[in-house]
Protein backbone atom coordinates (compact mmCIF):
# COMPACT_ATOMS: atom_id res chain seq x y z
CA MET A 1 -30.41 -47.41 -2.01
CA SER A 2 -28.52 -49.48 -4.53
CA SER A 3 -24.93 -48.50 -5.50
CA LYS A 4 -24.37 -46.88 -8.91
CA ASP A 5 -21.64 -46.95 -11.52
CA VAL A 6 -20.90 -44.51 -14.25
CA VAL A 7 -20.57 -46.31 -17.60
CA SER A 8 -20.04 -44.38 -20.84
CA GLY A 9 -21.39 -41.22 -19.34
CA ARG A 10 -24.69 -42.97 -18.24
CA VAL A 11 -25.74 -44.16 -14.78
CA VAL A 12 -26.55 -47.85 -14.65
CA SER A 13 -27.92 -49.53 -11.50
CA ALA A 14 -26.19 -52.51 -9.95
CA THR A 15 -29.15 -54.84 -10.75
CA THR A 16 -28.87 -54.25 -14.52
CA ARG A 17 -25.12 -53.99 -14.62
CA ASP A 18 -24.52 -57.72 -15.16
CA SER A 19 -27.10 -57.89 -17.98
CA TYR A 20 -25.70 -54.89 -19.72
CA SER A 21 -24.53 -55.90 -23.21
CA GLY A 22 -23.50 -52.41 -24.52
CA PRO A 23 -19.93 -51.27 -25.13
CA ARG A 24 -17.72 -51.49 -22.10
CA PRO A 25 -15.47 -48.57 -21.17
CA PRO A 26 -11.71 -49.05 -21.79
CA SER A 27 -9.60 -49.99 -18.81
CA THR A 28 -7.78 -46.65 -19.15
CA TRP A 29 -10.97 -44.71 -18.29
CA LYS A 30 -11.15 -43.36 -14.73
CA MET A 31 -14.34 -43.28 -12.75
CA ARG A 32 -15.39 -39.89 -11.61
CA SER A 33 -15.69 -39.27 -7.91
CA SER A 34 -18.73 -37.73 -6.29
CA SER A 35 -16.83 -34.51 -5.76
CA GLU A 36 -15.88 -34.28 -9.48
CA ILE A 37 -19.55 -34.86 -10.44
CA ARG A 38 -20.74 -32.25 -7.96
CA CYS A 39 -18.13 -29.64 -8.94
CA PRO A 40 -16.68 -29.63 -12.45
CA ALA A 41 -14.48 -26.71 -11.46
CA ALA A 42 -12.48 -28.93 -9.19
CA VAL A 43 -11.54 -31.14 -12.17
CA LYS A 44 -10.22 -28.11 -14.05
CA LEU A 45 -8.28 -26.72 -11.09
CA ASN A 46 -4.99 -28.42 -12.00
CA ILE A 47 -5.15 -27.20 -15.57
CA THR A 48 -5.95 -23.65 -14.51
CA SER A 49 -3.05 -23.71 -11.97
CA SER A 50 -0.64 -24.86 -14.64
CA MET A 51 -1.74 -22.13 -17.03
CA ALA A 52 -1.51 -19.58 -14.26
CA ARG A 53 2.09 -20.59 -13.50
CA LYS A 54 3.17 -20.30 -17.11
CA GLU A 55 1.45 -16.90 -17.44
CA GLY A 56 3.06 -15.79 -14.17
CA VAL A 57 6.55 -16.69 -15.40
CA LEU A 58 6.03 -14.64 -18.57
CA ILE A 59 4.77 -11.65 -16.64
CA CYS A 60 7.62 -11.75 -14.14
CA VAL A 61 10.13 -11.92 -16.99
CA LEU A 62 8.51 -8.97 -18.66
CA ILE A 63 8.54 -6.89 -15.43
CA VAL A 64 12.21 -7.72 -14.79
CA ILE A 65 13.23 -6.83 -18.37
CA MET A 66 11.42 -3.51 -18.29
CA ASP A 67 12.87 -2.55 -14.89
CA ILE A 68 16.39 -3.54 -15.93
CA VAL A 69 16.18 -1.50 -19.14
CA ALA A 70 14.75 1.42 -17.16
CA GLY A 71 17.63 1.22 -14.70
CA ILE A 72 20.22 1.07 -17.44
CA LEU A 73 18.66 4.06 -19.18
CA GLY A 74 18.70 6.02 -15.96
CA ILE A 75 22.36 5.30 -15.32
CA GLU A 76 23.26 6.10 -18.97
CA ALA A 77 21.38 9.40 -18.58
CA GLN A 78 23.52 10.25 -15.57
CA VAL A 79 26.69 9.41 -17.43
CA ALA A 80 25.66 11.63 -20.32
CA GLN A 81 24.83 14.45 -17.91
CA ASN A 82 28.21 14.19 -16.16
CA LYS A 83 29.95 14.81 -19.50
CA SER A 84 28.41 18.29 -19.81
CA LYS A 85 30.29 21.48 -18.87
CA HIS A 86 29.44 22.81 -15.42
CA LEU A 87 30.75 25.46 -13.13
CA ARG A 88 30.24 25.37 -9.36
CA VAL A 89 30.34 28.48 -7.18
CA PHE A 90 29.88 27.82 -3.51
CA ILE A 91 26.70 25.74 -3.19
CA PHE A 92 25.39 26.75 -6.65
CA GLU A 93 26.15 25.09 -9.90
CA CYS A 94 25.81 26.27 -13.47
CA LYS A 95 25.72 23.72 -16.26
CA GLU A 96 24.69 23.20 -19.79
CA PRO A 97 21.61 20.99 -20.51
CA VAL A 98 22.15 17.58 -22.20
CA PRO A 99 19.32 16.58 -24.56
CA GLU A 100 20.50 12.97 -24.49
CA ALA A 101 20.21 12.82 -20.68
CA TYR A 102 16.72 14.30 -20.96
CA ARG A 103 15.57 11.63 -23.42
CA LEU A 104 17.18 8.76 -21.58
CA GLY A 105 15.80 9.89 -18.19
CA LEU A 106 12.28 10.35 -19.59
CA ALA A 107 12.33 6.93 -21.25
CA ALA A 108 13.48 5.33 -17.94
CA ALA A 109 10.63 7.03 -16.03
CA ILE A 110 8.05 5.82 -18.61
CA LEU A 111 9.35 2.22 -18.49
CA LEU A 112 9.26 2.27 -14.67
CA LEU A 113 5.62 3.30 -14.77
CA PHE A 114 4.74 0.61 -17.37
CA ALA A 115 6.41 -2.11 -15.29
CA HIS A 116 4.55 -0.99 -12.18
CA ALA A 117 1.25 -0.88 -14.02
CA ILE A 118 1.70 -4.40 -15.43
CA ALA A 119 2.53 -5.84 -11.96
CA ASN A 120 -0.53 -4.20 -10.35
CA SER A 121 -2.88 -4.99 -13.24
CA PHE A 122 -2.16 -8.71 -13.30
CA GLY A 123 -1.44 -9.06 -9.57
CA GLY A 124 -4.58 -7.26 -8.49
CA CYS A 125 -4.89 -5.43 -5.15
CA VAL A 126 -4.07 -7.44 -2.09
CA CYS A 127 -4.58 -4.84 0.70
CA ILE A 128 -4.68 -5.13 4.44
CA PHE A 129 -6.29 -2.20 6.26
CA SER A 130 -5.77 -3.02 9.94
CA THR A 131 -3.32 -4.74 12.23
CA GLU A 132 -6.02 -7.22 13.28
CA GLU A 133 -6.61 -8.20 9.67
CA PHE A 134 -2.84 -8.47 9.19
CA SER A 135 -2.47 -10.88 12.11
CA ARG A 136 -5.33 -13.04 10.80
CA SER A 137 -4.05 -13.18 7.27
CA SER A 138 -1.86 -15.95 5.85
CA THR A 139 1.87 -15.53 5.30
CA ASN A 140 1.40 -15.15 1.53
CA ARG A 141 -1.21 -12.49 2.00
CA GLN A 142 1.00 -10.58 4.43
CA THR A 143 3.95 -10.80 2.04
CA ALA A 144 1.77 -9.54 -0.85
CA ALA A 145 0.51 -6.58 1.13
CA ALA A 146 3.97 -5.58 2.38
CA THR A 147 5.67 -5.86 -1.03
CA LEU A 148 2.77 -3.91 -2.63
CA LEU A 149 3.26 -1.02 -0.22
CA LEU A 150 7.03 -1.04 -0.74
CA SER A 151 6.76 -1.19 -4.50
CA TRP A 152 4.46 1.85 -4.48
CA ILE A 153 6.95 3.82 -2.33
CA ILE A 154 9.87 2.86 -4.58
CA VAL A 155 8.04 3.74 -7.81
CA VAL A 156 6.98 7.15 -6.48
CA VAL A 157 10.50 8.09 -5.30
CA GLY A 158 12.19 6.62 -8.39
CA PHE A 159 9.83 8.31 -10.80
CA ILE A 160 10.23 11.75 -9.10
CA MET A 161 14.00 11.45 -9.29
CA LEU A 162 14.05 10.41 -12.89
CA ILE A 163 11.65 13.14 -13.94
CA ALA A 164 13.55 15.80 -11.93
CA GLY A 165 16.87 14.74 -13.45
CA ALA A 166 15.38 14.67 -16.93
CA MET A 167 13.62 18.03 -16.66
CA ALA A 168 16.91 19.63 -15.51
CA ASN A 169 18.24 18.82 -18.96
CA ALA A 170 15.10 19.92 -20.89
CA LYS A 171 16.07 23.60 -21.01
CA SER A 172 17.69 25.04 -24.13
CA LYS A 173 20.08 27.29 -22.26
CA SER A 174 22.49 26.95 -19.33
CA SER A 175 20.93 27.30 -15.92
CA CYS A 176 22.23 27.78 -12.40
CA GLY A 177 20.88 26.40 -9.18
CA LEU A 178 21.43 23.79 -6.44
CA PRO A 179 23.40 20.78 -7.68
CA HIS A 180 21.52 17.57 -8.30
CA ARG A 181 24.10 15.38 -9.92
CA HIS A 182 22.93 11.96 -8.83
CA LEU A 183 19.20 12.09 -9.31
CA LEU A 184 19.23 10.03 -12.53
CA SER A 185 21.64 7.37 -11.17
CA ILE A 186 19.66 6.97 -7.95
CA GLY A 187 16.46 6.71 -9.95
CA GLY A 188 18.04 4.05 -12.16
CA ILE A 189 19.10 2.00 -9.10
CA LEU A 190 15.55 2.30 -7.71
CA CYS A 191 14.32 0.75 -10.96
CA PHE A 192 16.33 -2.41 -10.19
CA VAL A 193 14.95 -2.50 -6.64
CA HIS A 194 11.46 -1.92 -7.95
CA GLY A 195 11.74 -4.99 -10.21
CA VAL A 196 12.59 -7.23 -7.22
CA PHE A 197 9.62 -6.03 -5.16
CA CYS A 198 7.18 -6.18 -8.10
CA VAL A 199 8.12 -9.77 -8.89
CA ALA A 200 7.79 -10.71 -5.17
CA TYR A 201 4.38 -8.99 -5.00
CA TYR A 202 3.05 -10.58 -8.16
CA SER A 203 4.23 -14.08 -7.01
CA ALA A 204 2.66 -13.70 -3.59
CA ALA A 205 -0.61 -12.26 -5.01
CA THR A 206 -0.86 -15.12 -7.49
CA VAL A 207 -0.47 -17.66 -4.68
CA VAL A 208 -3.16 -15.85 -2.69
CA LYS A 209 -5.54 -16.11 -5.59
CA MET A 210 -4.83 -19.77 -6.10
CA GLU A 211 -5.36 -20.49 -2.38
CA ALA A 212 -8.73 -18.68 -2.52
CA GLY A 213 -9.70 -20.68 -5.63
CA MET A 214 -8.77 -23.97 -4.01
CA LYS A 215 -10.71 -23.14 -0.85
CA MET A 216 -13.80 -22.23 -2.89
CA ALA A 217 -13.52 -25.46 -4.91
CA ARG A 218 -13.29 -27.55 -1.72
CA ASP A 219 -16.29 -25.77 -0.15
CA VAL A 220 -18.38 -26.37 -3.27
CA ALA A 221 -17.23 -30.00 -3.63
CA ALA A 222 -17.90 -30.83 0.00
CA PRO A 223 -21.25 -32.70 0.34
CA THR A 224 -23.96 -30.95 2.25
CA THR A 225 -25.63 -32.43 5.35
CA ALA A 226 -28.75 -33.29 3.36
CA GLU A 227 -26.64 -35.20 0.78
CA ARG A 228 -24.89 -37.15 3.50
CA VAL A 229 -28.20 -38.16 5.09
CA GLN A 230 -29.53 -39.22 1.71
CA GLU A 231 -26.51 -41.41 1.08
CA ILE A 232 -26.76 -43.02 4.51
CA GLN A 233 -30.46 -43.86 4.21
CA PRO A 234 -31.10 -47.26 2.52
């Protein structure tokens, strides 16, 4: 079987190549390999990866900003609550509610949920359901699964603390009960920790997706046994 060249998007056999009088391709043109002809997705893989990296940076910045703002609001809510009048008798404490602490704590809890939703929506679900599957998985997949689990634990604990601290200031009259002075500040600190784990999870999940896409592109671009036999036959 005679060799073939790709000229101006058309296939011209070697016997008629010398007699070809049409326009010649510029020297800057690159010949397409057989894998690129077989799988156009492989040609676009670098472009897709570059776009994914830019999108990933923007999403990570957004998650970090939202978690930082949520943490600051939680700490500010704790500061506002500490300024209220309170009376402690044995293990019980009576205090006046602080509307500002209620608003700041509620806003911090909402921002924490939004940051978590963004990280999970764009990162997807990278889950591992057994120890055997965990041992067979790549390092990036193991990291994604571990950080996903930790981020869920942190968001649940942080959200409960922020909501509990905020609702303690939602009443219109003074109330007495067990002291819970540091719920808002601990919830705010957990917002910072949540941002770290969410960024780690999203980064690892993005790498896992890129690895899966590259593997699929290589499998599709690889010539089959029938194609290899056909190329070897004269």
